[in-house]
Amino acid sequence: MKKCKLTGVLLFIFCLNSLTLLAQEATDFSDDVEDVPTAPIDNWIPYMILLVIGFGYVMLNKKTIAAK
């Protein structure tokens, strides 16, 4: 069961890490138009990853304490 939880947590972190690839702007845009600035979502992604990891640790720690 412990291996399953660890695999789930690692898979979740990997999925969150791959979200940063979607937030990058395209580099081969050939049109010459006036672009609107992108939303500042790139600034918040590392903080949200740390928040989710901390929240997951706290929740998993509560379950192990309650199981004892």
C-alpha atoms as a PDB file:
ATOM      1  CA  MET A   1       0.000   0.000   0.000  1.00  0.00           C
ATOM      2  CA  LYS A   2       2.882   2.352   0.797  1.00  0.00           C
ATOM      3  CA  LYS A   3       4.370   1.747  -2.660  1.00  0.00           C
ATOM      4  CA  CYS A   4       1.025   2.579  -4.270  1.00  0.00           C
ATOM      5  CA  LYS A   5       0.803   5.897  -2.379  1.00  0.00           C
ATOM      6  CA  LEU A   6       4.359   6.818  -3.322  1.00  0.00           C
ATOM      7  CA  THR A   7       3.698   5.991  -6.971  1.00  0.00           C
ATOM      8  CA  GLY A   8       0.532   8.092  -6.913  1.00  0.00           C
ATOM      9  CA  VAL A   9       2.304  11.072  -5.359  1.00  0.00           C
ATOM     10  CA  LEU A  10       5.184  10.859  -7.839  1.00  0.00           C
ATOM     11  CA  LEU A  11       2.770  10.575 -10.764  1.00  0.00           C
ATOM     12  CA  PHE A  12       0.845  13.601  -9.493  1.00  0.00           C
ATOM     13  CA  ILE A  13       4.044  15.655  -9.181  1.00  0.00           C
ATOM     14  CA  PHE A  14       5.079  14.606 -12.688  1.00  0.00           C
ATOM     15  CA  CYS A  15       1.704  15.698 -14.064  1.00  0.00           C
ATOM     16  CA  LEU A  16       1.962  19.069 -12.345  1.00  0.00           C
ATOM     17  CA  ASN A  17       5.474  19.501 -13.666  1.00  0.00           C
ATOM     18  CA  SER A  18       4.293  18.893 -17.233  1.00  0.00           C
ATOM     19  CA  LEU A  19       1.751  21.735 -16.916  1.00  0.00           C
ATOM     20  CA  THR A  20       4.550  24.275 -17.248  1.00  0.00           C
ATOM     21  CA  LEU A  21       5.097  23.059 -20.804  1.00  0.00           C
ATOM     22  CA  LEU A  22       1.583  24.149 -21.707  1.00  0.00           C
ATOM     23  CA  ALA A  23       2.053  27.634 -20.266  1.00  0.00           C
ATOM     24  CA  GLN A  24       4.957  28.599 -22.547  1.00  0.00           C
ATOM     25  CA  GLU A  25       4.224  30.802 -25.524  1.00  0.00           C
ATOM     26  CA  ALA A  26       4.771  29.576 -29.072  1.00  0.00           C
ATOM     27  CA  THR A  27       8.092  30.510 -30.671  1.00  0.00           C
ATOM     28  CA  ASP A  28       7.327  29.919 -34.377  1.00  0.00           C
ATOM     29  CA  PHE A  29       4.425  32.343 -34.834  1.00  0.00           C
ATOM     30  CA  SER A  30       4.852  33.797 -38.319  1.00  0.00           C
ATOM     31  CA  ASP A  31       2.110  36.481 -38.320  1.00  0.00           C
ATOM     32  CA  ASP A  32       3.185  40.036 -37.633  1.00  0.00           C
ATOM     33  CA  VAL A  33       0.384  41.270 -35.380  1.00  0.00           C
ATOM     34  CA  GLU A  34       0.230  43.210 -32.147  1.00  0.00           C
ATOM     35  CA  ASP A  35      -0.017  40.568 -29.420  1.00  0.00           C
ATOM     36  CA  VAL A  36      -1.828  40.937 -26.130  1.00  0.00           C
ATOM     37  CA  PRO A  37       0.406  40.149 -23.132  1.00  0.00           C
ATOM     38  CA  THR A  38      -0.107  36.699 -21.681  1.00  0.00           C
ATOM     39  CA  ALA A  39      -1.578  36.073 -18.256  1.00  0.00           C
ATOM     40  CA  PRO A  40       0.997  35.852 -15.458  1.00  0.00           C
ATOM     41  CA  ILE A  41       0.201  32.173 -14.758  1.00  0.00           C
ATOM     42  CA  ASP A  42       3.884  31.256 -15.202  1.00  0.00           C
ATOM     43  CA  ASN A  43       4.758  33.193 -12.056  1.00  0.00           C
ATOM     44  CA  TRP A  44       2.438  31.137  -9.843  1.00  0.00           C
ATOM     45  CA  ILE A  45       3.129  27.574 -11.032  1.00  0.00           C
ATOM     46  CA  PRO A  46       6.193  26.864  -8.813  1.00  0.00           C
ATOM     47  CA  TYR A  47       4.384  28.217  -5.742  1.00  0.00           C
ATOM     48  CA  MET A  48       1.304  26.104  -6.440  1.00  0.00           C
ATOM     49  CA  ILE A  49       3.449  22.982  -6.872  1.00  0.00           C
ATOM     50  CA  LEU A  50       5.086  23.602  -3.494  1.00  0.00           C
ATOM     51  CA  LEU A  51       1.692  24.267  -1.925  1.00  0.00           C
ATOM     52  CA  VAL A  52       0.239  21.016  -3.283  1.00  0.00           C
ATOM     53  CA  ILE A  53       3.270  19.004  -2.169  1.00  0.00           C
ATOM     54  CA  GLY A  54       3.005  20.503   1.329  1.00  0.00           C
ATOM     55  CA  PHE A  55      -0.742  19.881   1.466  1.00  0.00           C
ATOM     56  CA  GLY A  56      -0.270  16.286   0.306  1.00  0.00           C
ATOM     57  CA  TYR A  57       2.400  15.694   2.929  1.00  0.00           C
ATOM     58  CA  VAL A  58       0.184  17.041   5.696  1.00  0.00           C
ATOM     59  CA  MET A  59      -2.795  14.954   4.587  1.00  0.00           C
ATOM     60  CA  LEU A  60      -0.728  11.766   4.245  1.00  0.00           C
ATOM     61  CA  ASN A  61       0.893  12.426   7.622  1.00  0.00           C
ATOM     62  CA  LYS A  62      -2.538  12.790   9.272  1.00  0.00           C
ATOM     63  CA  LYS A  63      -3.625   9.446   7.843  1.00  0.00           C
ATOM     64  CA  THR A  64      -0.529   7.647   9.125  1.00  0.00           C
ATOM     65  CA  ILE A  65      -0.927   9.158  12.591  1.00  0.00           C
ATOM     66  CA  ALA A  66      -4.606   8.171  12.693  1.00  0.00           C
ATOM     67  CA  ALA A  67      -3.750   4.607  11.574  1.00  0.00           C
ATOM     68  CA  LYS A  68      -1.366   4.135  14.528  1.00  0.00           C
END
